[in-house]
Amino acid sequence: MTACIVGWAHSRFGRHSDETVESLIVGVVGEALENAGCEASEIDEIILGHFNAGFSAQDFTASLVLQASDDFRFKPTTRVENACATGSAAVQQGVRAIQTGARKVLVVGVEQMTTTPGPEIGKNLLKASYLPEDGDTPAGFAGVFGNIAQAYFQKYGDQSDALANIAAKNHKNGVNNPYAQMQKDLGFEFCRAESEKNPFVAGPLKRTDCSLVSDGAAAIVLADTQTALSMDKAIAFRATAHAQDFLPMSKRDILAFEGCSVAWQRALKDAGLVIDDLSFVETHDCFTIAELIEYEAMGLAKPGEGANIANEGQTKMGGRLPVNPSGGLKAKGHPIGATGVSMHVLTAMQLSGTAGGIQVPGAELGGIFNMGGAAVANYVSIMQRIK
């Protein structure tokens, strides 16, 4: 039984000091139900994606979804977590609930990060790495990816132009995304040059190479195909895949993102597609080096040749395969638990032709890659509109 997205909601990502995890959840839940034309009483199961890791004092958050409606009381509700892929972990658990008999499932992703002091943010994020090896990495998780970037540069040459092109592309796309935290076209030259406003953060990564600390939430309503076809819209999961890799980077080739590659291969095979059949991709650009390596892992380029994809503009709007038309994590922001759900919301909007200024013309097939840790938790969804 195929699951379909039949409704969605998305808060603006950014600094929301006047909100709480609870209020962010409640806000998107009401909007998602309204968008689906669905009552709370019709929901069979609820899945919440919330990473936390110290960002929120309230660490038992599954039942906060019930604050959106008394009609949710006594419904099966579960919180899931898988580092930065928490949102997609929640989505895929929701899909499995549909496949095992649920008719309608509510999936919510949320995170509030900006109310946490800066040093604690870094410490919390570093928990998504293997602490015995990486726990003392300078600059925290940015340092982990700075080391990956440095190793990539050493093997394949200086890729600073490619990273700047990726950053500039995503910031340009984010200008037209009303949900994006940063809506400013920074341009290639600013992203390429070290400056007071764009200093080096870790290894060859500058500030413009790093995603933003954010607050935000997103929600989707899932339904089985038969139910979805009786509703206003239906964005079907043509395939999903999840490949979990070793946590220690010492046990794998970190420059290959093998888990990402395996997840893409599985999903494309199940969907009966190749990468160039897709109309666009929303991918996990926590750092620009991640998007660069993901080009290779998804099959757009051979190992070490991802820079050609970036420098030739193949992933720009109107290019061979637009990547991150939303602006990605780089411009949109990265509230950990919300990110994967956000990707699914924005993909559903693209495929329903309601993405506004970030719309990819004629979008028919959308791909999503959401990653937890340094290519540890790897989730792919391939989606298509059927109504």
Protein backbone atom coordinates (compact mmCIF):
# COMPACT_ATOMS: atom_id res chain seq x y z
CA MET A 1 0.00 0.00 0.00
CA THR A 2 1.54 3.31 -1.10
CA ALA A 3 1.45 6.30 1.23
CA CYS A 4 0.65 9.77 -0.06
CA ILE A 5 1.10 13.25 1.36
CA VAL A 6 -2.35 14.87 1.41
CA GLY A 7 -1.67 17.98 3.48
CA TRP A 8 1.20 20.00 4.90
CA ALA A 9 2.36 23.02 6.86
CA HIS A 10 5.68 24.80 7.39
CA SER A 11 6.71 27.54 9.81
CA ARG A 12 9.28 30.08 8.81
CA PHE A 13 12.69 28.93 9.97
CA GLY A 14 14.83 31.29 12.01
CA ARG A 15 15.10 32.72 15.49
CA HIS A 16 11.80 32.34 17.36
CA SER A 17 12.56 33.37 20.93
CA ASP A 18 8.86 34.07 21.49
CA GLU A 19 7.96 30.46 20.68
CA THR A 20 8.44 27.12 22.44
CA VAL A 21 8.75 23.59 21.10
CA GLU A 22 5.13 23.14 22.09
CA SER A 23 3.85 26.26 20.32
CA LEU A 24 5.84 25.47 17.17
CA ILE A 25 4.28 21.99 17.08
CA VAL A 26 0.75 23.22 17.71
CA GLY A 27 1.03 25.88 15.02
CA VAL A 28 1.97 23.55 12.17
CA VAL A 29 -0.37 20.75 13.23
CA GLY A 30 -3.45 22.94 12.93
CA GLU A 31 -2.32 24.26 9.55
CA ALA A 32 -1.50 20.80 8.19
CA LEU A 33 -4.89 19.40 9.16
CA GLU A 34 -6.63 22.36 7.56
CA ASN A 35 -4.52 22.03 4.41
CA ALA A 36 -5.49 18.34 4.18
CA GLY A 37 -9.16 19.03 4.87
CA CYS A 38 -8.86 16.56 7.73
CA GLU A 39 -10.10 16.52 11.33
CA ALA A 40 -7.88 15.54 14.24
CA SER A 41 -10.30 12.72 15.05
CA GLU A 42 -9.51 11.11 11.67
CA ILE A 43 -5.80 10.65 12.45
CA ASP A 44 -4.90 7.06 13.31
CA GLU A 45 -1.30 7.58 14.45
CA ILE A 46 1.09 10.42 15.23
CA ILE A 47 4.87 10.51 14.74
CA LEU A 48 7.03 13.34 16.08
CA GLY A 49 10.59 13.95 14.92
CA HIS A 50 12.55 15.85 17.60
CA PHE A 51 16.33 15.54 17.99
CA ASN A 52 16.79 17.72 21.10
CA ALA A 53 20.16 16.43 22.47
CA GLY A 54 19.95 19.18 25.09
CA PHE A 55 18.29 22.02 23.16
CA SER A 56 15.03 21.70 25.10
CA ALA A 57 14.55 21.10 28.81
CA GLN A 58 11.37 19.21 27.95
CA ASP A 59 12.70 15.87 26.73
CA PHE A 60 9.49 13.82 26.63
CA THR A 61 7.83 15.58 23.73
CA ALA A 62 5.69 13.05 21.84
CA SER A 63 2.53 14.02 23.68
CA LEU A 64 3.05 17.73 23.04
CA VAL A 65 1.36 17.07 19.69
CA LEU A 66 -1.82 16.29 21.62
CA GLN A 67 -1.85 19.92 22.77
CA ALA A 68 -3.08 20.82 19.28
CA SER A 69 -6.41 19.03 19.79
CA ASP A 70 -8.19 17.09 22.51
CA ASP A 71 -9.29 14.70 19.74
CA PHE A 72 -5.71 13.37 19.61
CA ARG A 73 -6.05 11.92 23.12
CA PHE A 74 -5.28 8.20 23.34
CA LYS A 75 -4.00 7.95 19.75
CA PRO A 76 -0.71 6.06 19.29
CA THR A 77 2.03 8.70 19.39
CA THR A 78 5.77 8.17 19.16
CA ARG A 79 8.82 10.41 19.08
CA VAL A 80 11.66 9.26 16.82
CA GLU A 81 15.26 10.48 16.54
CA ASN A 82 18.13 9.81 14.15
CA ALA A 83 20.39 12.86 14.42
CA CYS A 84 20.01 15.36 11.58
CA ALA A 85 17.85 12.86 9.66
CA THR A 86 15.28 12.79 12.46
CA GLY A 87 12.59 14.38 10.28
CA SER A 88 12.90 11.78 7.53
CA ALA A 89 13.04 9.01 10.13
CA ALA A 90 9.65 10.26 11.33
CA VAL A 91 8.32 10.45 7.79
CA GLN A 92 9.40 6.93 6.93
CA GLN A 93 7.91 5.58 10.16
CA GLY A 94 4.68 7.29 9.15
CA VAL A 95 4.86 5.64 5.73
CA ARG A 96 5.32 2.24 7.41
CA ALA A 97 2.26 2.90 9.57
CA ILE A 98 0.23 3.45 6.41
CA GLN A 99 1.68 0.29 4.87
CA THR A 100 0.57 -1.72 7.91
CA GLY A 101 -3.02 -0.53 7.89
CA ALA A 102 -3.36 3.05 9.17
CA ARG A 103 -5.51 5.27 6.93
CA LYS A 104 -4.25 8.68 8.04
CA VAL A 105 -1.04 9.53 9.90
CA LEU A 106 0.25 12.87 11.16
CA VAL A 107 4.01 13.46 11.03
CA VAL A 108 5.58 16.50 12.72
CA GLY A 109 9.18 17.67 12.87
CA VAL A 110 10.38 20.35 15.29
CA GLU A 111 13.48 21.88 16.86
CA GLN A 112 14.23 25.01 18.85
CA MET A 113 17.97 25.67 18.87
CA THR A 114 18.56 29.41 19.14
CA THR A 115 17.58 29.75 22.81
CA THR A 116 20.60 27.58 23.69
CA PRO A 117 23.94 29.34 24.37
CA GLY A 118 26.43 29.07 21.51
CA PRO A 119 28.98 26.76 23.18
CA GLU A 120 26.18 24.37 24.18
CA ILE A 121 24.84 24.35 20.61
CA GLY A 122 28.20 23.11 19.39
CA LYS A 123 28.36 20.49 22.14
CA ASN A 124 24.84 19.28 21.39
CA LEU A 125 25.52 18.96 17.65
CA LEU A 126 28.79 17.12 18.23
CA LYS A 127 26.73 14.35 19.85
CA ALA A 128 25.84 13.33 16.28
CA SER A 129 29.46 12.23 15.79
CA TYR A 130 31.43 9.35 17.30
CA LEU A 131 32.67 10.92 20.51
CA PRO A 132 35.58 8.55 21.22
CA GLU A 133 37.16 9.74 17.95
CA ASP A 134 35.61 13.18 17.36
CA GLY A 135 34.61 14.44 20.81
CA ASP A 136 37.53 16.87 21.06
CA THR A 137 37.30 18.21 17.48
CA PRO A 138 37.88 21.99 17.43
CA ALA A 139 34.83 23.92 16.14
CA GLY A 140 32.55 20.98 16.94
CA PHE A 141 30.52 19.45 14.11
CA ALA A 142 31.74 22.14 11.72
CA GLY A 143 35.20 20.89 12.55
CA VAL A 144 34.21 17.33 11.62
CA PHE A 145 33.11 18.49 8.18
CA GLY A 146 36.07 20.84 7.96
CA ASN A 147 38.28 17.77 8.31
CA ILE A 148 36.26 16.00 5.61
CA ALA A 149 36.66 19.01 3.32
CA GLN A 150 40.40 19.14 3.98
CA ALA A 151 40.76 15.45 3.18
CA TYR A 152 38.74 15.90 -0.01
CA PHE A 153 40.92 18.84 -1.06
CA GLN A 154 44.07 16.82 -0.39
CA LYS A 155 42.83 13.96 -2.56
CA TYR A 156 41.15 15.86 -5.40
CA GLY A 157 42.57 19.37 -5.26
CA ASP A 158 41.29 22.72 -4.01
CA GLN A 159 37.51 22.86 -4.50
CA SER A 160 36.92 26.33 -3.06
CA ASP A 161 35.28 27.58 -6.27
CA ALA A 162 32.83 24.69 -6.23
CA LEU A 163 31.91 25.23 -2.58
CA ALA A 164 31.35 28.94 -3.23
CA ASN A 165 29.17 28.13 -6.23
CA ILE A 166 27.07 25.78 -4.12
CA ALA A 167 26.66 28.36 -1.37
CA ALA A 168 25.84 31.14 -3.84
CA LYS A 169 23.30 28.94 -5.66
CA ASN A 170 21.48 28.00 -2.50
CA HIS A 171 21.41 31.55 -1.16
CA LYS A 172 20.04 32.81 -4.49
CA ASN A 173 17.31 30.15 -4.37
CA GLY A 174 16.47 31.01 -0.77
CA VAL A 175 15.61 34.60 -1.67
CA ASN A 176 12.26 33.42 -3.04
CA ASN A 177 11.45 30.93 -0.28
CA PRO A 178 9.09 32.57 2.24
CA TYR A 179 10.04 29.96 4.86
CA ALA A 180 13.79 30.55 4.60
CA GLN A 181 15.77 31.99 7.49
CA MET A 182 18.13 33.90 5.17
CA GLN A 183 16.59 35.51 2.08
CA LYS A 184 19.67 37.22 0.68
CA ASP A 185 21.56 36.61 -2.57
CA LEU A 186 25.17 36.71 -1.36
CA GLY A 187 26.75 36.06 -4.75
CA PHE A 188 29.76 33.96 -5.71
CA GLU A 189 32.44 36.54 -4.89
CA PHE A 190 31.27 37.04 -1.31
CA CYS A 191 31.01 33.29 -0.73
CA ARG A 192 34.43 32.66 -2.31
CA ALA A 193 36.47 35.28 -0.45
CA GLU A 194 37.54 35.24 3.17
CA SER A 195 36.41 38.43 4.86
CA GLU A 196 35.46 39.85 8.22
CA LYS A 197 31.86 38.87 7.49
CA ASN A 198 32.83 35.51 6.00
CA PRO A 199 35.73 34.13 8.04
CA PHE A 200 37.08 30.60 7.98
CA VAL A 201 35.27 28.42 10.51
CA ALA A 202 36.97 25.03 10.18
CA GLY A 203 39.56 23.87 7.66
CA PRO A 204 38.64 25.27 4.24
CA LEU A 205 35.02 25.92 5.29
CA LYS A 206 33.96 29.54 5.73
CA ARG A 207 30.81 30.85 7.36
CA THR A 208 28.96 30.71 4.04
CA ASP A 209 29.77 26.99 3.83
CA CYS A 210 27.85 26.21 7.04
CA SER A 211 24.11 25.81 7.56
CA LEU A 212 22.26 28.00 10.01
CA VAL A 213 21.22 27.39 13.62
CA SER A 214 17.44 27.58 13.51
CA ASP A 215 14.08 27.17 15.17
CA GLY A 216 11.11 25.83 13.24
CA ALA A 217 8.57 23.12 12.56
CA ALA A 218 6.89 21.36 9.66
CA ALA A 219 4.10 18.79 9.41
CA ILE A 220 2.53 16.47 6.86
CA VAL A 221 -0.62 14.37 6.79
CA LEU A 222 -0.20 10.96 5.16
CA ALA A 223 -2.96 8.76 3.79
CA ASP A 224 -3.19 5.43 1.98
CA THR A 225 -3.62 5.70 -1.79
CA GLN A 226 -7.33 4.88 -1.88
CA THR A 227 -8.09 7.46 0.80
CA ALA A 228 -5.74 10.01 -0.77
CA LEU A 229 -7.45 9.79 -4.16
CA SER A 230 -10.70 10.82 -2.51
CA MET A 231 -9.04 13.98 -1.11
CA ASP A 232 -7.99 17.23 -2.78
CA LYS A 233 -4.39 16.25 -3.55
CA ALA A 234 -2.12 13.23 -3.36
CA ILE A 235 1.69 13.27 -3.57
CA ALA A 236 2.75 9.62 -3.58
CA PHE A 237 5.93 8.01 -2.27
CA ARG A 238 7.19 6.19 -5.33
CA ALA A 239 10.09 4.80 -3.27
CA THR A 240 11.79 5.21 0.09
CA ALA A 241 15.13 3.92 1.32
CA HIS A 242 17.14 4.06 4.53
CA ALA A 243 20.79 2.97 4.79
CA GLN A 244 22.50 3.23 8.18
CA ASP A 245 26.31 3.20 8.22
CA PHE A 246 28.96 2.84 10.91
CA LEU A 247 29.22 5.81 13.28
CA PRO A 248 33.05 5.91 13.45
CA MET A 249 34.46 7.53 10.32
CA SER A 250 37.58 5.39 10.79
CA LYS A 251 35.57 2.33 9.71
CA ARG A 252 34.62 3.72 6.28
CA ASP A 253 35.72 5.88 3.37
CA ILE A 254 34.28 9.19 4.52
CA LEU A 255 34.88 10.82 1.13
CA ALA A 256 32.58 8.32 -0.60
CA PHE A 257 29.38 8.85 1.46
CA GLU A 258 28.67 5.16 0.81
CA GLY A 259 25.45 5.13 2.85
CA CYS A 260 24.12 7.99 0.75
CA SER A 261 25.02 6.12 -2.43
CA VAL A 262 23.38 2.90 -1.24
CA ALA A 263 20.18 4.71 -0.23
CA TRP A 264 19.95 6.43 -3.62
CA GLN A 265 20.64 3.20 -5.50
CA ARG A 266 17.95 1.34 -3.56
CA ALA A 267 15.33 4.05 -4.00
CA LEU A 268 15.99 4.59 -7.71
CA LYS A 269 15.89 0.84 -8.35
CA ASP A 270 12.61 0.46 -6.47
CA ALA A 271 11.14 3.41 -8.39
CA GLY A 272 12.42 2.12 -11.74
CA LEU A 273 14.24 5.38 -12.41
CA VAL A 274 17.68 6.88 -12.93
CA ILE A 275 18.86 10.10 -11.33
CA ASP A 276 18.29 12.19 -14.46
CA ASP A 277 14.61 11.21 -14.51
CA LEU A 278 14.06 13.45 -11.50
CA SER A 279 12.83 17.02 -11.92
CA PHE A 280 14.70 18.30 -8.85
CA VAL A 281 16.34 17.17 -5.62
CA GLU A 282 16.27 18.54 -2.10
CA THR A 283 19.54 17.37 -0.54
CA HIS A 284 21.22 17.72 2.84
CA ASP A 285 23.68 20.62 2.54
CA CYS A 286 24.53 20.93 6.23
CA PHE A 287 27.88 22.08 4.82
CA THR A 288 28.69 22.83 1.19
CA ILE A 289 31.21 19.99 1.10
CA ALA A 290 28.34 17.62 1.92
CA GLU A 291 26.34 18.75 -1.12
CA LEU A 292 29.47 18.41 -3.29
CA ILE A 293 30.09 14.81 -2.20
CA GLU A 294 26.36 14.04 -2.48
CA TYR A 295 26.51 14.92 -6.20
CA GLU A 296 28.90 12.01 -6.56
CA ALA A 297 26.99 9.67 -4.23
CA MET A 298 23.68 10.22 -6.05
CA GLY A 299 25.31 9.50 -9.40
CA LEU A 300 25.58 12.93 -11.00
CA ALA A 301 29.37 12.72 -11.17
CA LYS A 302 32.21 10.27 -10.69
CA PRO A 303 34.25 10.40 -7.45
CA GLY A 304 36.31 13.56 -7.34
CA GLU A 305 34.38 15.21 -10.19
CA GLY A 306 31.47 16.75 -8.27
CA ALA A 307 33.07 20.18 -8.63
CA ASN A 308 32.32 20.11 -12.35
CA ILE A 309 28.61 19.80 -11.57
CA ALA A 310 28.76 22.86 -9.30
CA ASN A 311 31.05 25.01 -11.43
CA GLU A 312 29.12 24.36 -14.64
CA GLY A 313 25.82 25.32 -13.01
CA GLN A 314 24.23 21.93 -13.63
CA THR A 315 22.32 22.08 -10.34
CA LYS A 316 21.06 25.65 -10.66
CA MET A 317 17.42 26.42 -11.39
CA GLY A 318 17.00 25.66 -15.09
CA GLY A 319 20.06 23.38 -15.10
CA ARG A 320 20.41 19.65 -15.70
CA LEU A 321 18.98 18.80 -12.26
CA PRO A 322 18.02 21.66 -9.92
CA VAL A 323 19.30 20.86 -6.43
CA ASN A 324 17.89 22.65 -3.38
CA PRO A 325 15.46 24.99 -5.14
CA SER A 326 14.31 25.82 -1.59
CA GLY A 327 17.73 27.25 -0.73
CA GLY A 328 18.59 24.09 1.17
CA LEU A 329 19.74 24.00 4.76
CA LYS A 330 22.27 26.65 3.79
CA ALA A 331 19.68 29.41 3.29
CA LYS A 332 16.47 27.89 4.66
CA GLY A 333 17.99 26.95 8.01
CA HIS A 334 18.45 23.62 9.78
CA PRO A 335 16.25 23.08 12.85
CA ILE A 336 17.40 19.49 13.25
CA GLY A 337 14.16 17.57 13.88
CA ALA A 338 12.19 19.65 11.39
CA THR A 339 14.56 19.44 8.41
CA GLY A 340 13.49 16.11 6.90
CA VAL A 341 9.79 16.93 7.24
CA SER A 342 10.47 20.34 5.70
CA MET A 343 12.10 18.66 2.69
CA HIS A 344 8.96 16.56 2.17
CA VAL A 345 6.67 19.57 2.52
CA LEU A 346 8.61 21.59 -0.04
CA THR A 347 8.78 18.63 -2.41
CA ALA A 348 5.02 18.17 -2.16
CA MET A 349 4.58 21.86 -2.92
CA GLN A 350 6.83 21.57 -5.97
CA LEU A 351 4.92 18.56 -7.30
CA SER A 352 1.54 20.20 -6.69
CA GLY A 353 2.68 23.36 -8.50
CA THR A 354 2.23 25.53 -5.39
CA ALA A 355 5.87 26.36 -4.61
CA GLY A 356 5.57 29.99 -5.71
CA GLY A 357 8.87 31.76 -6.37
CA ILE A 358 10.92 28.59 -5.94
CA GLN A 359 8.78 26.52 -8.32
CA VAL A 360 10.64 24.23 -10.72
CA PRO A 361 8.64 24.49 -13.97
CA GLY A 362 6.91 21.25 -14.92
CA ALA A 363 8.14 19.33 -11.87
CA GLU A 364 6.91 15.73 -12.02
CA LEU A 365 9.35 13.69 -9.92
CA GLY A 366 11.12 14.89 -6.79
CA GLY A 367 14.01 13.35 -4.89
CA ILE A 368 14.89 13.95 -1.24
CA PHE A 369 18.11 13.08 0.61
CA ASN A 370 18.30 13.72 4.36
CA MET A 371 21.41 12.74 6.30
CA GLY A 372 22.15 12.21 9.98
CA GLY A 373 25.71 12.66 11.21
CA ALA A 374 28.51 12.44 8.66
CA ALA A 375 26.67 10.19 6.16
CA VAL A 376 25.61 7.80 8.95
CA ALA A 377 21.80 7.88 8.74
CA ASN A 378 20.87 8.14 5.06
CA TYR A 379 17.26 8.55 3.91
CA VAL A 380 15.97 8.93 0.35
CA SER A 381 12.40 9.53 -0.81
CA ILE A 382 11.23 9.70 -4.43
CA MET A 383 7.86 11.37 -4.88
CA GLN A 384 5.31 11.85 -7.62
CA ARG A 385 1.96 13.57 -7.79
CA ILE A 386 -0.96 11.24 -8.54
CA LYS A 387 -3.73 13.78 -7.92
